[in-house]
Amino acid sequence: SVRRDSGEPVWTAFFHSIKENFWQGMYLNLIFLGYCGMACTV
């Protein structure tokens, strides 16, 4: 919406991606949180 100026409002594009990638993005986030937690513990 900003760089390519597609004409689609930024909030529409944002929630489209949230809907499409919610579960996979959350699992990826949990991987990084677990990894960073392990690094912090060490």
PDB file of all heavy atoms in Angstrom:
ATOM      1  N   SER A   1       0.796  -1.227   0.000  1.00  0.00           N
ATOM      2  CA  SER A   1       0.000   0.000   0.000  1.00  0.00           C
ATOM      3  C   SER A   1       0.827   1.274   0.000  1.00  0.00           C
ATOM      4  O   SER A   1       0.365   2.306  -0.496  1.00  0.00           O
ATOM      5  CB  SER A   1      -0.937   0.005   1.219  1.00  0.00           C
ATOM      6  OG  SER A   1      -1.833  -1.079   1.179  1.00  0.00           O
ATOM      7  N   VAL A   2       2.025   1.218   0.564  1.00  0.00           N
ATOM      8  CA  VAL A   2       2.849   2.432   0.651  1.00  0.00           C
ATOM      9  C   VAL A   2       3.912   2.445  -0.436  1.00  0.00           C
ATOM     10  O   VAL A   2       3.957   3.364  -1.259  1.00  0.00           O
ATOM     11  CB  VAL A   2       3.512   2.556   2.042  1.00  0.00           C
ATOM     12  CG1 VAL A   2       4.351   3.831   2.116  1.00  0.00           C
ATOM     13  CG2 VAL A   2       2.446   2.564   3.138  1.00  0.00           C
ATOM     14  N   ARG A   3       4.746   1.435  -0.463  1.00  0.00           N
ATOM     15  CA  ARG A   3       5.835   1.447  -1.451  1.00  0.00           C
ATOM     16  C   ARG A   3       5.317   1.299  -2.877  1.00  0.00           C
ATOM     17  O   ARG A   3       5.708   2.044  -3.771  1.00  0.00           O
ATOM     18  CB  ARG A   3       6.842   0.344  -1.136  1.00  0.00           C
ATOM     19  CG  ARG A   3       7.947   0.295  -2.176  1.00  0.00           C
ATOM     20  CD  ARG A   3       8.999  -0.732  -1.875  1.00  0.00           C
ATOM     21  NE  ARG A   3       9.897  -0.859  -3.024  1.00  0.00           N
ATOM     22  CZ  ARG A   3      10.976  -1.608  -3.041  1.00  0.00           C
ATOM     23  NH1 ARG A   3      11.325  -2.291  -1.967  1.00  0.00           N
ATOM     24  NH2 ARG A   3      11.721  -1.676  -4.110  1.00  0.00           N
ATOM     25  N   ARG A   4       4.446   0.316  -3.097  1.00  0.00           N
ATOM     26  CA  ARG A   4       3.955   0.076  -4.460  1.00  0.00           C
ATOM     27  C   ARG A   4       2.736   0.915  -4.807  1.00  0.00           C
ATOM     28  O   ARG A   4       2.324   0.944  -5.969  1.00  0.00           O
ATOM     29  CB  ARG A   4       3.636  -1.408  -4.635  1.00  0.00           C
ATOM     30  CG  ARG A   4       4.863  -2.301  -4.531  1.00  0.00           C
ATOM     31  CD  ARG A   4       4.499  -3.748  -4.718  1.00  0.00           C
ATOM     32  NE  ARG A   4       5.673  -4.616  -4.647  1.00  0.00           N
ATOM     33  CZ  ARG A   4       5.619  -5.937  -4.639  1.00  0.00           C
ATOM     34  NH1 ARG A   4       4.443  -6.548  -4.699  1.00  0.00           N
ATOM     35  NH2 ARG A   4       6.725  -6.647  -4.575  1.00  0.00           N
ATOM     36  N   ASP A   5       2.129   1.557  -3.813  1.00  0.00           N
ATOM     37  CA  ASP A   5       0.967   2.423  -4.029  1.00  0.00           C
ATOM     38  C   ASP A   5      -0.101   1.700  -4.856  1.00  0.00           C
ATOM     39  O   ASP A   5      -0.542   2.175  -5.909  1.00  0.00           O
ATOM     40  CB  ASP A   5       1.402   3.721  -4.731  1.00  0.00           C
ATOM     41  CG  ASP A   5       0.308   4.773  -4.725  1.00  0.00           C
ATOM     42  OD1 ASP A   5      -0.619   4.669  -3.891  1.00  0.00           O
ATOM     43  OD2 ASP A   5       0.366   5.697  -5.562  1.00  0.00           O
ATOM     44  N   SER A   6      -0.517   0.535  -4.347  1.00  0.00           N
ATOM     45  CA  SER A   6      -1.476  -0.295  -5.075  1.00  0.00           C
ATOM     46  C   SER A   6      -2.881   0.291  -5.092  1.00  0.00           C
ATOM     47  O   SER A   6      -3.729  -0.155  -5.863  1.00  0.00           O
ATOM     48  CB  SER A   6      -1.531  -1.692  -4.446  1.00  0.00           C
ATOM     49  OG  SER A   6      -2.059  -1.619  -3.124  1.00  0.00           O
ATOM     50  N   GLY A   7      -3.129   1.274  -4.236  1.00  0.00           N
ATOM     51  CA  GLY A   7      -4.467   1.835  -4.131  1.00  0.00           C
ATOM     52  C   GLY A   7      -5.306   1.177  -3.056  1.00  0.00           C
ATOM     53  O   GLY A   7      -6.376   1.682  -2.694  1.00  0.00           O
ATOM     54  N   GLU A   8      -4.823   0.047  -2.521  1.00  0.00           N
ATOM     55  CA  GLU A   8      -5.527  -0.642  -1.433  1.00  0.00           C
ATOM     56  C   GLU A   8      -5.157   0.014  -0.106  1.00  0.00           C
ATOM     57  O   GLU A   8      -3.962   0.216   0.175  1.00  0.00           O
ATOM     58  CB  GLU A   8      -5.142  -2.114  -1.404  1.00  0.00           C
ATOM     59  CG  GLU A   8      -5.877  -2.918  -0.334  1.00  0.00           C
ATOM     60  CD  GLU A   8      -5.519  -4.392  -0.384  1.00  0.00           C
ATOM     61  OE1 GLU A   8      -4.633  -4.773  -1.175  1.00  0.00           O
ATOM     62  OE2 GLU A   8      -6.137  -5.161   0.366  1.00  0.00           O
ATOM     63  N   PRO A   9      -6.125   0.397   0.711  1.00  0.00           N
ATOM     64  CA  PRO A   9      -5.806   1.011   2.014  1.00  0.00           C
ATOM     65  C   PRO A   9      -4.920   0.098   2.847  1.00  0.00           C
ATOM     66  O   PRO A   9      -5.046  -1.131   2.794  1.00  0.00           O
ATOM     67  CB  PRO A   9      -7.185   1.189   2.668  1.00  0.00           C
ATOM     68  CG  PRO A   9      -8.136   1.232   1.526  1.00  0.00           C
ATOM     69  CD  PRO A   9      -7.570   0.309   0.483  1.00  0.00           C
ATOM     70  N   VAL A  10      -4.036   0.708   3.602  1.00  0.00           N
ATOM     71  CA  VAL A  10      -3.049  -0.069   4.348  1.00  0.00           C
ATOM     72  C   VAL A  10      -3.713  -0.997   5.355  1.00  0.00           C
ATOM     73  O   VAL A  10      -3.241  -2.116   5.590  1.00  0.00           O
ATOM     74  CB  VAL A  10      -2.031   0.872   5.025  1.00  0.00           C
ATOM     75  CG1 VAL A  10      -2.670   1.636   6.180  1.00  0.00           C
ATOM     76  CG2 VAL A  10      -0.813   0.116   5.506  1.00  0.00           C
ATOM     77  N   TRP A  11      -4.835  -0.571   5.941  1.00  0.00           N
ATOM     78  CA  TRP A  11      -5.503  -1.420   6.933  1.00  0.00           C
ATOM     79  C   TRP A  11      -6.159  -2.637   6.265  1.00  0.00           C
ATOM     80  O   TRP A  11      -6.213  -3.708   6.855  1.00  0.00           O
ATOM     81  CB  TRP A  11      -6.539  -0.620   7.729  1.00  0.00           C
ATOM     82  CG  TRP A  11      -7.451   0.230   6.906  1.00  0.00           C
ATOM     83  CD1 TRP A  11      -8.627  -0.122   6.325  1.00  0.00           C
ATOM     84  CD2 TRP A  11      -7.223   1.603   6.565  1.00  0.00           C
ATOM     85  NE1 TRP A  11      -9.165   0.921   5.649  1.00  0.00           N
ATOM     86  CE2 TRP A  11      -8.340   2.004   5.780  1.00  0.00           C
ATOM     87  CE3 TRP A  11      -6.226   2.531   6.851  1.00  0.00           C
ATOM     88  CZ2 TRP A  11      -8.453   3.298   5.264  1.00  0.00           C
ATOM     89  CZ3 TRP A  11      -6.335   3.812   6.344  1.00  0.00           C
ATOM     90  CH2 TRP A  11      -7.429   4.181   5.567  1.00  0.00           C
ATOM     91  N   THR A  12      -6.626  -2.478   5.036  1.00  0.00           N
ATOM     92  CA  THR A  12      -7.201  -3.609   4.313  1.00  0.00           C
ATOM     93  C   THR A  12      -6.131  -4.654   4.014  1.00  0.00           C
ATOM     94  O   THR A  12      -6.335  -5.858   4.221  1.00  0.00           O
ATOM     95  CB  THR A  12      -7.844  -3.143   3.000  1.00  0.00           C
ATOM     96  OG1 THR A  12      -8.844  -2.159   3.277  1.00  0.00           O
ATOM     97  CG2 THR A  12      -8.493  -4.319   2.270  1.00  0.00           C
ATOM     98  N   ALA A  13      -4.972  -4.191   3.541  1.00  0.00           N
ATOM     99  CA  ALA A  13      -3.860  -5.105   3.260  1.00  0.00           C
ATOM    100  C   ALA A  13      -3.360  -5.760   4.543  1.00  0.00           C
ATOM    101  O   ALA A  13      -3.018  -6.949   4.552  1.00  0.00           O
ATOM    102  CB  ALA A  13      -2.728  -4.336   2.579  1.00  0.00           C
ATOM    103  N   PHE A  14      -3.326  -4.994   5.623  1.00  0.00           N
ATOM    104  CA  PHE A  14      -2.852  -5.512   6.906  1.00  0.00           C
ATOM    105  C   PHE A  14      -3.719  -6.673   7.377  1.00  0.00           C
ATOM    106  O   PHE A  14      -3.205  -7.752   7.703  1.00  0.00           O
ATOM    107  CB  PHE A  14      -2.847  -4.387   7.941  1.00  0.00           C
ATOM    108  CG  PHE A  14      -2.275  -4.773   9.272  1.00  0.00           C
ATOM    109  CD1 PHE A  14      -0.930  -4.582   9.542  1.00  0.00           C
ATOM    110  CD2 PHE A  14      -3.074  -5.322  10.267  1.00  0.00           C
ATOM    111  CE1 PHE A  14      -0.383  -4.930  10.768  1.00  0.00           C
ATOM    112  CE2 PHE A  14      -2.545  -5.681  11.497  1.00  0.00           C
ATOM    113  CZ  PHE A  14      -1.193  -5.484  11.750  1.00  0.00           C
ATOM    114  N   PHE A  15      -5.022  -6.481   7.392  1.00  0.00           N
ATOM    115  CA  PHE A  15      -5.907  -7.532   7.907  1.00  0.00           C
ATOM    116  C   PHE A  15      -6.039  -8.695   6.922  1.00  0.00           C
ATOM    117  O   PHE A  15      -6.312  -9.830   7.340  1.00  0.00           O
ATOM    118  CB  PHE A  15      -7.270  -6.955   8.254  1.00  0.00           C
ATOM    119  CG  PHE A  15      -7.254  -6.149   9.527  1.00  0.00           C
ATOM    120  CD1 PHE A  15      -7.470  -4.777   9.502  1.00  0.00           C
ATOM    121  CD2 PHE A  15      -6.993  -6.749  10.744  1.00  0.00           C
ATOM    122  CE1 PHE A  15      -7.434  -4.032  10.674  1.00  0.00           C
ATOM    123  CE2 PHE A  15      -6.949  -6.013  11.922  1.00  0.00           C
ATOM    124  CZ  PHE A  15      -7.170  -4.640  11.881  1.00  0.00           C
ATOM    125  N   HIS A  16      -5.829  -8.434   5.640  1.00  0.00           N
ATOM    126  CA  HIS A  16      -5.785  -9.540   4.678  1.00  0.00           C
ATOM    127  C   HIS A  16      -4.626 -10.478   5.009  1.00  0.00           C
ATOM    128  O   HIS A  16      -4.790 -11.708   5.017  1.00  0.00           O
ATOM    129  CB  HIS A  16      -5.621  -8.988   3.259  1.00  0.00           C
ATOM    130  CG  HIS A  16      -5.309 -10.053   2.245  1.00  0.00           C
ATOM    131  ND1 HIS A  16      -6.272 -10.879   1.702  1.00  0.00           N
ATOM    132  CD2 HIS A  16      -4.125 -10.437   1.685  1.00  0.00           C
ATOM    133  CE1 HIS A  16      -5.699 -11.728   0.861  1.00  0.00           C
ATOM    134  NE2 HIS A  16      -4.403 -11.479   0.830  1.00  0.00           N
ATOM    135  N   SER A  17      -3.461  -9.900   5.289  1.00  0.00           N
ATOM    136  CA  SER A  17      -2.296 -10.720   5.634  1.00  0.00           C
ATOM    137  C   SER A  17      -2.466 -11.395   6.991  1.00  0.00           C
ATOM    138  O   SER A  17      -2.061 -12.551   7.156  1.00  0.00           O
ATOM    139  CB  SER A  17      -1.031  -9.847   5.644  1.00  0.00           C
ATOM    140  OG  SER A  17       0.104 -10.612   5.969  1.00  0.00           O
ATOM    141  N   ILE A  18      -3.044 -10.684   7.946  1.00  0.00           N
ATOM    142  CA  ILE A  18      -3.308 -11.288   9.266  1.00  0.00           C
ATOM    143  C   ILE A  18      -4.153 -12.554   9.100  1.00  0.00           C
ATOM    144  O   ILE A  18      -3.855 -13.616   9.676  1.00  0.00           O
ATOM    145  CB  ILE A  18      -4.033 -10.288  10.187  1.00  0.00           C
ATOM    146  CG1 ILE A  18      -3.053  -9.265  10.764  1.00  0.00           C
ATOM    147  CG2 ILE A  18      -4.753 -11.019  11.314  1.00  0.00           C
ATOM    148  CD1 ILE A  18      -2.272  -9.731  11.964  1.00  0.00           C
ATOM    149  N   LYS A  19      -5.215 -12.440   8.311  1.00  0.00           N
ATOM    150  CA  LYS A  19      -6.114 -13.572   8.095  1.00  0.00           C
ATOM    151  C   LYS A  19      -5.401 -14.720   7.393  1.00  0.00           C
ATOM    152  O   LYS A  19      -5.593 -15.900   7.747  1.00  0.00           O
ATOM    153  CB  LYS A  19      -7.323 -13.115   7.270  1.00  0.00           C
ATOM    154  CG  LYS A  19      -8.351 -14.206   7.016  1.00  0.00           C
ATOM    155  CD  LYS A  19      -9.524 -13.675   6.204  1.00  0.00           C
ATOM    156  CE  LYS A  19     -10.542 -14.770   5.920  1.00  0.00           C
ATOM    157  NZ  LYS A  19     -11.688 -14.249   5.110  1.00  0.00           N
ATOM    158  N   GLU A  20      -4.568 -14.407   6.422  1.00  0.00           N
ATOM    159  CA  GLU A  20      -3.914 -15.429   5.620  1.00  0.00           C
ATOM    160  C   GLU A  20      -2.770 -16.119   6.362  1.00  0.00           C
ATOM    161  O   GLU A  20      -2.520 -17.311   6.159  1.00  0.00           O
ATOM    162  CB  GLU A  20      -3.381 -14.804   4.328  1.00  0.00           C
ATOM    163  CG  GLU A  20      -2.810 -15.806   3.349  1.00  0.00           C
ATOM    164  CD  GLU A  20      -2.409 -15.160   2.043  1.00  0.00           C
ATOM    165  OE1 GLU A  20      -1.739 -14.113   2.103  1.00  0.00           O
ATOM    166  OE2 GLU A  20      -2.774 -15.689   0.972  1.00  0.00           O
ATOM    167  N   ASN A  21      -2.064 -15.373   7.214  1.00  0.00           N
ATOM    168  CA  ASN A  21      -0.839 -15.901   7.831  1.00  0.00           C
ATOM    169  C   ASN A  21      -0.899 -16.018   9.356  1.00  0.00           C
ATOM    170  O   ASN A  21       0.141 -16.186   9.987  1.00  0.00           O
ATOM    171  CB  ASN A  21       0.351 -14.988   7.463  1.00  0.00           C
ATOM    172  CG  ASN A  21       0.582 -14.907   5.975  1.00  0.00           C
ATOM    173  OD1 ASN A  21       0.870 -15.901   5.327  1.00  0.00           O
ATOM    174  ND2 ASN A  21       0.445 -13.706   5.422  1.00  0.00           N
ATOM    175  N   PHE A  22      -2.089 -15.940   9.927  1.00  0.00           N
ATOM    176  CA  PHE A  22      -2.186 -15.857  11.378  1.00  0.00           C
ATOM    177  C   PHE A  22      -1.537 -17.047  12.071  1.00  0.00           C
ATOM    178  O   PHE A  22      -0.653 -16.886  12.924  1.00  0.00           O
ATOM    179  CB  PHE A  22      -3.647 -15.731  11.820  1.00  0.00           C
ATOM    180  CG  PHE A  22      -3.794 -15.603  13.311  1.00  0.00           C
ATOM    181  CD1 PHE A  22      -3.614 -14.384  13.929  1.00  0.00           C
ATOM    182  CD2 PHE A  22      -4.099 -16.706  14.099  1.00  0.00           C
ATOM    183  CE1 PHE A  22      -3.730 -14.251  15.306  1.00  0.00           C
ATOM    184  CE2 PHE A  22      -4.214 -16.594  15.478  1.00  0.00           C
ATOM    185  CZ  PHE A  22      -4.039 -15.361  16.078  1.00  0.00           C
ATOM    186  N   TRP A  23      -1.973 -18.255  11.736  1.00  0.00           N
ATOM    187  CA  TRP A  23      -1.493 -19.427  12.477  1.00  0.00           C
ATOM    188  C   TRP A  23      -0.027 -19.710  12.186  1.00  0.00           C
ATOM    189  O   TRP A  23       0.748 -19.990  13.109  1.00  0.00           O
ATOM    190  CB  TRP A  23      -2.350 -20.643  12.153  1.00  0.00           C
ATOM    191  CG  TRP A  23      -3.725 -20.540  12.713  1.00  0.00           C
ATOM    192  CD1 TRP A  23      -4.884 -20.338  12.022  1.00  0.00           C
ATOM    193  CD2 TRP A  23      -4.085 -20.576  14.095  1.00  0.00           C
ATOM    194  NE1 TRP A  23      -5.947 -20.247  12.881  1.00  0.00           N
ATOM    195  CE2 TRP A  23      -5.485 -20.401  14.161  1.00  0.00           C
ATOM    196  CE3 TRP A  23      -3.374 -20.744  15.281  1.00  0.00           C
ATOM    197  CZ2 TRP A  23      -6.183 -20.384  15.367  1.00  0.00           C
ATOM    198  CZ3 TRP A  23      -4.068 -20.735  16.487  1.00  0.00           C
ATOM    199  CH2 TRP A  23      -5.447 -20.559  16.513  1.00  0.00           C
ATOM    200  N   GLN A  24       0.365 -19.627  10.936  1.00  0.00           N
ATOM    201  CA  GLN A  24       1.767 -19.882  10.612  1.00  0.00           C
ATOM    202  C   GLN A  24       2.673 -18.821  11.232  1.00  0.00           C
ATOM    203  O   GLN A  24       3.742 -19.132  11.747  1.00  0.00           O
ATOM    204  CB  GLN A  24       1.969 -19.914   9.097  1.00  0.00           C
ATOM    205  CG  GLN A  24       3.380 -20.364   8.712  1.00  0.00           C
ATOM    206  CD  GLN A  24       3.574 -20.482   7.220  1.00  0.00           C
ATOM    207  OE1 GLN A  24       2.648 -20.277   6.433  1.00  0.00           O
ATOM    208  NE2 GLN A  24       4.795 -20.812   6.798  1.00  0.00           N
ATOM    209  N   GLY A  25       2.219 -17.564  11.198  1.00  0.00           N
ATOM    210  CA  GLY A  25       3.002 -16.491  11.811  1.00  0.00           C
ATOM    211  C   GLY A  25       3.115 -16.665  13.312  1.00  0.00           C
ATOM    212  O   GLY A  25       4.161 -16.369  13.906  1.00  0.00           O
ATOM    213  N   MET A  26       2.051 -17.142  13.949  1.00  0.00           N
ATOM    214  CA  MET A  26       2.096 -17.351  15.388  1.00  0.00           C
ATOM    215  C   MET A  26       3.047 -18.491  15.750  1.00  0.00           C
ATOM    216  O   MET A  26       3.816 -18.393  16.721  1.00  0.00           O
ATOM    217  CB  MET A  26       0.694 -17.638  15.938  1.00  0.00           C
ATOM    218  CG  MET A  26       0.632 -17.643  17.462  1.00  0.00           C
ATOM    219  SD  MET A  26      -1.062 -17.682  18.101  1.00  0.00           S
ATOM    220  CE  MET A  26      -1.560 -19.324  17.584  1.00  0.00           C
ATOM    221  N   TYR A  27       3.006 -19.580  14.977  1.00  0.00           N
ATOM    222  CA  TYR A  27       3.927 -20.691  15.245  1.00  0.00           C
ATOM    223  C   TYR A  27       5.372 -20.263  15.037  1.00  0.00           C
ATOM    224  O   TYR A  27       6.259 -20.628  15.820  1.00  0.00           O
ATOM    225  CB  TYR A  27       3.604 -21.875  14.328  1.00  0.00           C
ATOM    226  CG  TYR A  27       2.268 -22.516  14.600  1.00  0.00           C
ATOM    227  CD1 TYR A  27       1.495 -23.059  13.569  1.00  0.00           C
ATOM    228  CD2 TYR A  27       1.756 -22.572  15.900  1.00  0.00           C
ATOM    229  CE1 TYR A  27       0.263 -23.638  13.819  1.00  0.00           C
ATOM    230  CE2 TYR A  27       0.529 -23.154  16.159  1.00  0.00           C
ATOM    231  CZ  TYR A  27      -0.221 -23.679  15.118  1.00  0.00           C
ATOM    232  OH  TYR A  27      -1.443 -24.244  15.373  1.00  0.00           O
ATOM    233  N   LEU A  28       5.625 -19.463  13.995  1.00  0.00           N
ATOM    234  CA  LEU A  28       6.979 -18.968  13.749  1.00  0.00           C
ATOM    235  C   LEU A  28       7.433 -18.068  14.891  1.00  0.00           C
ATOM    236  O   LEU A  28       8.584 -18.131  15.339  1.00  0.00           O
ATOM    237  CB  LEU A  28       7.022 -18.204  12.424  1.00  0.00           C
ATOM    238  CG  LEU A  28       8.399 -17.717  11.948  1.00  0.00           C
ATOM    239  CD1 LEU A  28       9.341 -18.899  11.739  1.00  0.00           C
ATOM    240  CD2 LEU A  28       8.248 -16.907  10.660  1.00  0.00           C
ATOM    241  N   ASN A  29       6.507 -17.283  15.393  1.00  0.00           N
ATOM    242  CA  ASN A  29       6.819 -16.404  16.530  1.00  0.00           C
ATOM    243  C   ASN A  29       7.152 -17.223  17.774  1.00  0.00           C
ATOM    244  O   ASN A  29       8.085 -16.890  18.527  1.00  0.00           O
ATOM    245  CB  ASN A  29       5.640 -15.481  16.805  1.00  0.00           C
ATOM    246  CG  ASN A  29       5.920 -14.501  17.923  1.00  0.00           C
ATOM    247  OD1 ASN A  29       6.880 -13.736  17.868  1.00  0.00           O
ATOM    248  ND2 ASN A  29       5.089 -14.511  18.959  1.00  0.00           N
ATOM    249  N   LEU A  30       6.408 -18.298  18.006  1.00  0.00           N
ATOM    250  CA  LEU A  30       6.677 -19.156  19.163  1.00  0.00           C
ATOM    251  C   LEU A  30       8.054 -19.815  19.055  1.00  0.00           C
ATOM    252  O   LEU A  30       8.739 -20.001  20.065  1.00  0.00           O
ATOM    253  CB  LEU A  30       5.584 -20.227  19.285  1.00  0.00           C
ATOM    254  CG  LEU A  30       4.205 -19.721  19.718  1.00  0.00           C
ATOM    255  CD1 LEU A  30       3.178 -20.846  19.656  1.00  0.00           C
ATOM    256  CD2 LEU A  30       4.248 -19.118  21.115  1.00  0.00           C
ATOM    257  N   ILE A  31       8.458 -20.149  17.831  1.00  0.00           N
ATOM    258  CA  ILE A  31       9.803 -20.711  17.631  1.00  0.00           C
ATOM    259  C   ILE A  31      10.858 -19.696  18.052  1.00  0.00           C
ATOM    260  O   ILE A  31      11.806 -20.022  18.784  1.00  0.00           O
ATOM    261  CB  ILE A  31      10.000 -21.123  16.156  1.00  0.00           C
ATOM    262  CG1 ILE A  31       9.120 -22.312  15.811  1.00  0.00           C
ATOM    263  CG2 ILE A  31      11.477 -21.451  15.888  1.00  0.00           C
ATOM    264  CD1 ILE A  31       9.109 -22.671  14.330  1.00  0.00           C
ATOM    265  N   PHE A  32      10.704 -18.446  17.606  1.00  0.00           N
ATOM    266  CA  PHE A  32      11.678 -17.415  17.963  1.00  0.00           C
ATOM    267  C   PHE A  32      11.631 -17.073  19.447  1.00  0.00           C
ATOM    268  O   PHE A  32      12.670 -16.826  20.066  1.00  0.00           O
ATOM    269  CB  PHE A  32      11.445 -16.153  17.120  1.00  0.00           C
ATOM    270  CG  PHE A  32      12.056 -16.215  15.760  1.00  0.00           C
ATOM    271  CD1 PHE A  32      11.263 -16.203  14.623  1.00  0.00           C
ATOM    272  CD2 PHE A  32      13.434 -16.303  15.601  1.00  0.00           C
ATOM    273  CE1 PHE A  32      11.830 -16.273  13.359  1.00  0.00           C
ATOM    274  CE2 PHE A  32      14.012 -16.369  14.347  1.00  0.00           C
ATOM    275  CZ  PHE A  32      13.207 -16.354  13.217  1.00  0.00           C
ATOM    276  N   LEU A  33      10.423 -17.056  20.045  1.00  0.00           N
ATOM    277  CA  LEU A  33      10.310 -16.785  21.478  1.00  0.00           C
ATOM    278  C   LEU A  33      11.004 -17.879  22.287  1.00  0.00           C
ATOM    279  O   LEU A  33      11.720 -17.595  23.262  1.00  0.00           O
ATOM    280  CB  LEU A  33       8.839 -16.671  21.880  1.00  0.00           C
ATOM    281  CG  LEU A  33       8.100 -15.391  21.464  1.00  0.00           C
ATOM    282  CD1 LEU A  33       6.628 -15.483  21.869  1.00  0.00           C
ATOM    283  CD2 LEU A  33       8.738 -14.156  22.093  1.00  0.00           C
ATOM    284  N   GLY A  34      10.780 -19.144  21.889  1.00  0.00           N
ATOM    285  CA  GLY A  34      11.438 -20.240  22.580  1.00  0.00           C
ATOM    286  C   GLY A  34      12.945 -20.193  22.419  1.00  0.00           C
ATOM    287  O   GLY A  34      13.691 -20.414  23.380  1.00  0.00           O
ATOM    288  N   TYR A  35      13.383 -19.880  21.235  1.00  0.00           N
ATOM    289  CA  TYR A  35      14.818 -19.783  20.964  1.00  0.00           C
ATOM    290  C   TYR A  35      15.456 -18.660  21.784  1.00  0.00           C
ATOM    291  O   TYR A  35      16.507 -18.851  22.409  1.00  0.00           O
ATOM    292  CB  TYR A  35      15.041 -19.546  19.477  1.00  0.00           C
ATOM    293  CG  TYR A  35      16.491 -19.380  19.087  1.00  0.00           C
ATOM    294  CD1 TYR A  35      17.284 -20.482  18.797  1.00  0.00           C
ATOM    295  CD2 TYR A  35      17.070 -18.112  19.015  1.00  0.00           C
ATOM    296  CE1 TYR A  35      18.618 -20.328  18.447  1.00  0.00           C
ATOM    297  CE2 TYR A  35      18.403 -17.961  18.669  1.00  0.00           C
ATOM    298  CZ  TYR A  35      19.163 -19.064  18.386  1.00  0.00           C
ATOM    299  OH  TYR A  35      20.481 -18.913  18.057  1.00  0.00           O
ATOM    300  N   CYS A  36      14.806 -17.483  21.776  1.00  0.00           N
ATOM    301  CA  CYS A  36      15.338 -16.346  22.545  1.00  0.00           C
ATOM    302  C   CYS A  36      15.289 -16.626  24.043  1.00  0.00           C
ATOM    303  O   CYS A  36      16.166 -16.187  24.793  1.00  0.00           O
ATOM    304  CB  CYS A  36      14.566 -15.073  22.212  1.00  0.00           C
ATOM    305  SG  CYS A  36      14.877 -14.445  20.548  1.00  0.00           S
ATOM    306  N   GLY A  37      14.255 -17.364  24.494  1.00  0.00           N
ATOM    307  CA  GLY A  37      14.190 -17.744  25.903  1.00  0.00           C
ATOM    308  C   GLY A  37      15.338 -18.650  26.286  1.00  0.00           C
ATOM    309  O   GLY A  37      15.929 -18.494  27.365  1.00  0.00           O
ATOM    310  N   MET A  38      15.673 -19.579  25.410  1.00  0.00           N
ATOM    311  CA  MET A  38      16.806 -20.458  25.664  1.00  0.00           C
ATOM    312  C   MET A  38      18.110 -19.662  25.698  1.00  0.00           C
ATOM    313  O   MET A  38      18.952 -19.856  26.586  1.00  0.00           O
ATOM    314  CB  MET A  38      16.892 -21.525  24.568  1.00  0.00           C
ATOM    315  CG  MET A  38      18.088 -22.457  24.706  1.00  0.00           C
ATOM    316  SD  MET A  38      18.294 -23.541  23.265  1.00  0.00           S
ATOM    317  CE  MET A  38      18.731 -22.340  21.992  1.00  0.00           C
ATOM    318  N   ALA A  39      18.287 -18.739  24.746  1.00  0.00           N
ATOM    319  CA  ALA A  39      19.489 -17.907  24.713  1.00  0.00           C
ATOM    320  C   ALA A  39      19.605 -17.051  25.966  1.00  0.00           C
ATOM    321  O   ALA A  39      20.695 -16.893  26.536  1.00  0.00           O
ATOM    322  CB  ALA A  39      19.473 -17.025  23.467  1.00  0.00           C
ATOM    323  N   CYS A  40      18.461 -16.509  26.415  1.00  0.00           N
ATOM    324  CA  CYS A  40      18.450 -15.685  27.624  1.00  0.00           C
ATOM    325  C   CYS A  40      18.837 -16.505  28.845  1.00  0.00           C
ATOM    326  O   CYS A  40      19.598 -16.040  29.709  1.00  0.00           O
ATOM    327  CB  CYS A  40      17.068 -15.067  27.802  1.00  0.00           C
ATOM    328  SG  CYS A  40      16.945 -13.929  29.198  1.00  0.00           S
ATOM    329  N   THR A  41      18.334 -17.726  28.929  1.00  0.00           N
ATOM    330  CA  THR A  41      18.661 -18.601  30.052  1.00  0.00           C
ATOM    331  C   THR A  41      20.150 -18.915  30.084  1.00  0.00           C
ATOM    332  O   THR A  41      20.796 -18.842  31.140  1.00  0.00           O
ATOM    333  CB  THR A  41      17.848 -19.902  29.964  1.00  0.00           C
ATOM    334  OG1 THR A  41      16.450 -19.600  29.983  1.00  0.00           O
ATOM    335  CG2 THR A  41      18.180 -20.820  31.134  1.00  0.00           C
ATOM    336  N   VAL A  42      20.693 -19.258  28.913  1.00  0.00           N
ATOM    337  CA  VAL A  42      22.130 -19.558  28.826  1.00  0.00           C
ATOM    338  C   VAL A  42      22.953 -18.349  29.240  1.00  0.00           C
ATOM    339  O   VAL A  42      23.936 -18.465  29.990  1.00  0.00           O
ATOM    340  CB  VAL A  42      22.503 -20.003  27.397  1.00  0.00           C
ATOM    341  CG1 VAL A  42      24.022 -20.117  27.247  1.00  0.00           C
ATOM    342  CG2 VAL A  42      21.832 -21.323  27.059  1.00  0.00           C
TER     343      VAL A  42
END
